[in-house]
Amino acid sequence: MVPNGPYNQRAAKELLRSVWKFGTDLRIVDVGDGLFQFKFTLESQLKWVLKNGPWSFDNHLLVLCQWERGMTVKSITFTVLPIWVQVWGLAFDLLSEEVARDIGKSLGQVVEIDHKAFTLEQARFIRIKVEIAIDKPLRQGGFFVNPEGDKVCIGIRYERLVGLCF
């Protein structure tokens, strides 16, 4: 958790078990220093949680990283948050994977691009999953230079984001 004040750990654990619908298949272990280890019965459960985040409880952001061999509580650093970003304000002819990748790279490391916007007749925005640095301010918009060299004002919206200031 990235707490912005006190929170009820027991309630947070119960809520995550309920929302994730894993019940007793999920073990949540307090490993100290405000860190929890989530132990899943199936790898597919872990992948689902990582794919569908970010998660939060009572306006506290839950930042996750996959446990690796040799990891200790002291060695864990949380530097990025994978999050879906919506980019608004692009002309329909700019709704492309190339443009999505360029804009995504300006925000962080591109993880995935949602291709639905490119197949719909009139999509309103593009979606990019990006790993953003959690110690940097979030951008609410900016300018994108189109192929003709014109600056296009774009809006940026972060999906499922709570507890962080812009």
C-alpha atoms as a PDB file:
ATOM      1  CA  MET A   1       0.000   0.000   0.000  1.00  0.00           C
ATOM      2  CA  VAL A   2       1.049   3.554  -0.584  1.00  0.00           C
ATOM      3  CA  PRO A   3      -0.736   5.043   2.412  1.00  0.00           C
ATOM      4  CA  ASN A   4      -1.758   8.684   2.574  1.00  0.00           C
ATOM      5  CA  GLY A   5      -2.805   8.204   6.201  1.00  0.00           C
ATOM      6  CA  PRO A   6      -3.784   5.348   8.513  1.00  0.00           C
ATOM      7  CA  TYR A   7      -5.685   2.394   7.104  1.00  0.00           C
ATOM      8  CA  ASN A   8      -7.201  -0.847   8.373  1.00  0.00           C
ATOM      9  CA  GLN A   9      -4.933  -3.673   7.179  1.00  0.00           C
ATOM     10  CA  ARG A  10      -7.419  -6.415   8.039  1.00  0.00           C
ATOM     11  CA  ALA A  11     -10.211  -4.690   6.111  1.00  0.00           C
ATOM     12  CA  ALA A  12      -7.870  -4.126   3.155  1.00  0.00           C
ATOM     13  CA  LYS A  13      -6.964  -7.824   3.043  1.00  0.00           C
ATOM     14  CA  GLU A  14     -10.622  -8.893   3.236  1.00  0.00           C
ATOM     15  CA  LEU A  15     -11.645  -6.452   0.517  1.00  0.00           C
ATOM     16  CA  LEU A  16      -8.887  -7.579  -1.859  1.00  0.00           C
ATOM     17  CA  ARG A  17      -9.848 -11.235  -1.337  1.00  0.00           C
ATOM     18  CA  SER A  18     -13.463 -10.320  -2.070  1.00  0.00           C
ATOM     19  CA  VAL A  19     -12.798  -8.109  -5.124  1.00  0.00           C
ATOM     20  CA  TRP A  20     -10.323 -10.558  -6.613  1.00  0.00           C
ATOM     21  CA  LYS A  21     -12.769 -13.432  -5.842  1.00  0.00           C
ATOM     22  CA  PHE A  22     -10.016 -15.836  -4.790  1.00  0.00           C
ATOM     23  CA  GLY A  23     -11.257 -16.498  -1.237  1.00  0.00           C
ATOM     24  CA  THR A  24      -8.964 -18.872   0.621  1.00  0.00           C
ATOM     25  CA  ASP A  25      -6.953 -19.498  -2.578  1.00  0.00           C
ATOM     26  CA  LEU A  26      -5.181 -16.233  -1.770  1.00  0.00           C
ATOM     27  CA  ARG A  27      -2.841 -15.903   1.191  1.00  0.00           C
ATOM     28  CA  ILE A  28      -1.757 -12.426   2.237  1.00  0.00           C
ATOM     29  CA  VAL A  29       1.323 -12.327   4.451  1.00  0.00           C
ATOM     30  CA  ASP A  30       2.576  -9.209   6.254  1.00  0.00           C
ATOM     31  CA  VAL A  31       6.352  -9.342   5.665  1.00  0.00           C
ATOM     32  CA  GLY A  32       7.156  -6.087   7.485  1.00  0.00           C
ATOM     33  CA  ASP A  33       7.982  -2.514   6.534  1.00  0.00           C
ATOM     34  CA  GLY A  34       4.416  -2.039   5.276  1.00  0.00           C
ATOM     35  CA  LEU A  35       4.850  -4.771   2.650  1.00  0.00           C
ATOM     36  CA  PHE A  36       2.558  -7.684   1.940  1.00  0.00           C
ATOM     37  CA  GLN A  37       3.276 -10.844   0.023  1.00  0.00           C
ATOM     38  CA  PHE A  38       0.339 -12.195  -1.974  1.00  0.00           C
ATOM     39  CA  LYS A  39       0.494 -15.957  -2.466  1.00  0.00           C
ATOM     40  CA  PHE A  40      -1.753 -17.229  -5.242  1.00  0.00           C
ATOM     41  CA  THR A  41      -2.753 -20.846  -5.792  1.00  0.00           C
ATOM     42  CA  LEU A  42      -2.627 -20.512  -9.580  1.00  0.00           C
ATOM     43  CA  GLU A  43      -0.312 -18.475 -11.792  1.00  0.00           C
ATOM     44  CA  SER A  44      -3.366 -17.398 -13.799  1.00  0.00           C
ATOM     45  CA  GLN A  45      -4.656 -15.621 -10.670  1.00  0.00           C
ATOM     46  CA  LEU A  46      -1.412 -13.664 -10.348  1.00  0.00           C
ATOM     47  CA  LYS A  47      -1.508 -12.715 -14.028  1.00  0.00           C
ATOM     48  CA  TRP A  48      -5.133 -11.567 -13.716  1.00  0.00           C
ATOM     49  CA  VAL A  49      -4.315  -9.310 -10.743  1.00  0.00           C
ATOM     50  CA  LEU A  50      -1.295  -7.794 -12.498  1.00  0.00           C
ATOM     51  CA  LYS A  51      -3.212  -7.280 -15.766  1.00  0.00           C
ATOM     52  CA  ASN A  52      -6.286  -5.661 -14.212  1.00  0.00           C
ATOM     53  CA  GLY A  53      -4.644  -3.178 -11.836  1.00  0.00           C
ATOM     54  CA  PRO A  54      -3.866  -0.755 -10.465  1.00  0.00           C
ATOM     55  CA  TRP A  55      -5.714  -1.600  -7.282  1.00  0.00           C
ATOM     56  CA  SER A  56      -6.567   0.524  -4.291  1.00  0.00           C
ATOM     57  CA  PHE A  57      -8.259   0.404  -0.926  1.00  0.00           C
ATOM     58  CA  ASP A  58      -9.899   3.438   0.681  1.00  0.00           C
ATOM     59  CA  ASN A  59      -7.862   5.815  -1.541  1.00  0.00           C
ATOM     60  CA  HIS A  60      -4.604   3.984  -0.782  1.00  0.00           C
ATOM     61  CA  LEU A  61      -2.806   2.818  -3.910  1.00  0.00           C
ATOM     62  CA  LEU A  62      -1.609  -0.793  -3.999  1.00  0.00           C
ATOM     63  CA  VAL A  63       1.661  -1.004  -5.937  1.00  0.00           C
ATOM     64  CA  LEU A  64       2.641  -4.546  -6.937  1.00  0.00           C
ATOM     65  CA  CYS A  65       5.784  -6.235  -8.154  1.00  0.00           C
ATOM     66  CA  GLN A  66       6.302  -9.880  -8.984  1.00  0.00           C
ATOM     67  CA  TRP A  67       8.272 -11.796  -6.375  1.00  0.00           C
ATOM     68  CA  GLU A  68      11.614 -13.075  -7.635  1.00  0.00           C
ATOM     69  CA  ARG A  69      14.126 -15.549  -6.251  1.00  0.00           C
ATOM     70  CA  GLY A  70      16.494 -13.894  -3.773  1.00  0.00           C
ATOM     71  CA  MET A  71      14.187 -10.954  -3.070  1.00  0.00           C
ATOM     72  CA  THR A  72      14.139  -9.606   0.480  1.00  0.00           C
ATOM     73  CA  VAL A  73      12.043  -6.945   2.166  1.00  0.00           C
ATOM     74  CA  LYS A  74      15.034  -4.591   2.098  1.00  0.00           C
ATOM     75  CA  SER A  75      15.799  -5.184  -1.597  1.00  0.00           C
ATOM     76  CA  ILE A  76      12.315  -4.385  -2.899  1.00  0.00           C
ATOM     77  CA  THR A  77      11.915  -1.016  -4.565  1.00  0.00           C
ATOM     78  CA  PHE A  78       8.742   0.244  -6.120  1.00  0.00           C
ATOM     79  CA  THR A  79       9.632   2.658  -8.898  1.00  0.00           C
ATOM     80  CA  VAL A  80       6.940   2.183 -11.548  1.00  0.00           C
ATOM     81  CA  LEU A  81       3.208   1.623 -11.747  1.00  0.00           C
ATOM     82  CA  PRO A  82       1.699  -0.103 -14.796  1.00  0.00           C
ATOM     83  CA  ILE A  83      -1.466   1.796 -15.645  1.00  0.00           C
ATOM     84  CA  TRP A  84      -3.850   2.218 -18.558  1.00  0.00           C
ATOM     85  CA  VAL A  85      -3.702   5.723 -20.015  1.00  0.00           C
ATOM     86  CA  GLN A  86      -6.346   7.228 -22.275  1.00  0.00           C
ATOM     87  CA  VAL A  87      -5.211   9.808 -24.841  1.00  0.00           C
ATOM     88  CA  TRP A  88      -7.957  12.203 -25.938  1.00  0.00           C
ATOM     89  CA  GLY A  89      -8.039  14.908 -28.584  1.00  0.00           C
ATOM     90  CA  LEU A  90      -6.391  13.138 -31.505  1.00  0.00           C
ATOM     91  CA  ALA A  91      -7.866  13.424 -34.989  1.00  0.00           C
ATOM     92  CA  PHE A  92      -9.350  10.162 -36.238  1.00  0.00           C
ATOM     93  CA  ASP A  93      -6.547   9.747 -38.772  1.00  0.00           C
ATOM     94  CA  LEU A  94      -4.028   9.796 -35.886  1.00  0.00           C
ATOM     95  CA  LEU A  95      -5.615   6.862 -34.078  1.00  0.00           C
ATOM     96  CA  SER A  96      -2.864   4.395 -34.912  1.00  0.00           C
ATOM     97  CA  GLU A  97      -0.494   2.024 -33.165  1.00  0.00           C
ATOM     98  CA  GLU A  98       2.494   4.149 -34.203  1.00  0.00           C
ATOM     99  CA  VAL A  99       1.020   7.300 -32.638  1.00  0.00           C
ATOM    100  CA  ALA A 100      -0.003   5.346 -29.531  1.00  0.00           C
ATOM    101  CA  ARG A 101       3.534   3.991 -29.155  1.00  0.00           C
ATOM    102  CA  ASP A 102       5.103   7.463 -29.613  1.00  0.00           C
ATOM    103  CA  ILE A 103       2.839   9.046 -27.009  1.00  0.00           C
ATOM    104  CA  GLY A 104       3.252   6.084 -24.660  1.00  0.00           C
ATOM    105  CA  LYS A 105       7.060   6.344 -24.839  1.00  0.00           C
ATOM    106  CA  SER A 106       6.819   9.993 -23.806  1.00  0.00           C
ATOM    107  CA  LEU A 107       5.009   8.892 -20.630  1.00  0.00           C
ATOM    108  CA  GLY A 108       7.098   5.851 -19.692  1.00  0.00           C
ATOM    109  CA  GLN A 109       7.715   2.261 -20.789  1.00  0.00           C
ATOM    110  CA  VAL A 110       4.965   0.985 -23.120  1.00  0.00           C
ATOM    111  CA  VAL A 111       3.576  -2.350 -21.895  1.00  0.00           C
ATOM    112  CA  GLU A 112       0.569  -2.859 -24.156  1.00  0.00           C
ATOM    113  CA  ILE A 113      -1.562  -1.007 -26.677  1.00  0.00           C
ATOM    114  CA  ASP A 114      -5.322  -1.539 -26.861  1.00  0.00           C
ATOM    115  CA  HIS A 115      -6.085  -2.068 -30.550  1.00  0.00           C
ATOM    116  CA  LYS A 116      -9.859  -1.545 -30.241  1.00  0.00           C
ATOM    117  CA  ALA A 117      -9.561   2.153 -31.092  1.00  0.00           C
ATOM    118  CA  PHE A 118      -7.987   1.283 -34.423  1.00  0.00           C
ATOM    119  CA  THR A 119     -10.784  -1.083 -35.453  1.00  0.00           C
ATOM    120  CA  LEU A 120     -13.780   1.003 -34.375  1.00  0.00           C
ATOM    121  CA  GLU A 121     -15.216   3.391 -36.921  1.00  0.00           C
ATOM    122  CA  GLN A 122     -15.164   6.402 -34.603  1.00  0.00           C
ATOM    123  CA  ALA A 123     -13.156   5.755 -31.466  1.00  0.00           C
ATOM    124  CA  ARG A 124     -12.865   8.770 -29.181  1.00  0.00           C
ATOM    125  CA  PHE A 125      -9.494   7.969 -27.596  1.00  0.00           C
ATOM    126  CA  ILE A 126      -6.625   5.500 -27.624  1.00  0.00           C
ATOM    127  CA  ARG A 127      -5.553   3.350 -24.662  1.00  0.00           C
ATOM    128  CA  ILE A 128      -1.959   2.554 -23.803  1.00  0.00           C
ATOM    129  CA  LYS A 129      -0.716   0.577 -20.814  1.00  0.00           C
ATOM    130  CA  VAL A 130       2.415   2.330 -19.597  1.00  0.00           C
ATOM    131  CA  GLU A 131       4.775   1.841 -16.677  1.00  0.00           C
ATOM    132  CA  ILE A 132       4.952   5.315 -15.163  1.00  0.00           C
ATOM    133  CA  ALA A 133       7.543   6.409 -12.612  1.00  0.00           C
ATOM    134  CA  ILE A 134       5.791   6.794  -9.264  1.00  0.00           C
ATOM    135  CA  ASP A 135       8.167   9.555  -8.147  1.00  0.00           C
ATOM    136  CA  LYS A 136       7.404  11.861 -11.094  1.00  0.00           C
ATOM    137  CA  PRO A 137       4.407  14.171 -11.557  1.00  0.00           C
ATOM    138  CA  LEU A 138       1.625  12.828 -13.756  1.00  0.00           C
ATOM    139  CA  ARG A 139       0.926  14.649 -16.992  1.00  0.00           C
ATOM    140  CA  GLN A 140      -2.652  15.700 -17.653  1.00  0.00           C
ATOM    141  CA  GLY A 141      -2.004  16.661 -21.227  1.00  0.00           C
ATOM    142  CA  GLY A 142       0.498  18.024 -23.643  1.00  0.00           C
ATOM    143  CA  PHE A 143       1.244  18.416 -27.302  1.00  0.00           C
ATOM    144  CA  PHE A 144       1.793  15.805 -29.963  1.00  0.00           C
ATOM    145  CA  VAL A 145       3.403  16.770 -33.264  1.00  0.00           C
ATOM    146  CA  ASN A 146       1.477  15.165 -36.130  1.00  0.00           C
ATOM    147  CA  PRO A 147       3.111  13.949 -39.374  1.00  0.00           C
ATOM    148  CA  GLU A 148       2.527  17.375 -40.971  1.00  0.00           C
ATOM    149  CA  GLY A 149       4.498  19.037 -38.159  1.00  0.00           C
ATOM    150  CA  ASP A 150       1.477  20.633 -36.493  1.00  0.00           C
ATOM    151  CA  LYS A 151       1.137  20.599 -32.706  1.00  0.00           C
ATOM    152  CA  VAL A 152      -1.993  18.811 -31.505  1.00  0.00           C
ATOM    153  CA  CYS A 153      -3.198  19.400 -27.942  1.00  0.00           C
ATOM    154  CA  ILE A 154      -3.991  16.079 -26.228  1.00  0.00           C
ATOM    155  CA  GLY A 155      -5.608  15.206 -22.930  1.00  0.00           C
ATOM    156  CA  ILE A 156      -4.386  12.336 -20.765  1.00  0.00           C
ATOM    157  CA  ARG A 157      -6.588  10.377 -18.371  1.00  0.00           C
ATOM    158  CA  TYR A 158      -5.360   7.641 -16.055  1.00  0.00           C
ATOM    159  CA  GLU A 159      -7.678   4.693 -15.466  1.00  0.00           C
ATOM    160  CA  ARG A 160      -8.341   3.407 -11.944  1.00  0.00           C
ATOM    161  CA  LEU A 161      -5.968   5.883 -10.333  1.00  0.00           C
ATOM    162  CA  VAL A 162      -6.583   7.069  -6.779  1.00  0.00           C
ATOM    163  CA  GLY A 163      -4.514   8.578  -4.027  1.00  0.00           C
ATOM    164  CA  LEU A 164      -1.987  10.340  -6.279  1.00  0.00           C
ATOM    165  CA  CYS A 165      -1.832  14.054  -6.979  1.00  0.00           C
ATOM    166  CA  PHE A 166      -1.392  15.510 -10.452  1.00  0.00           C
END
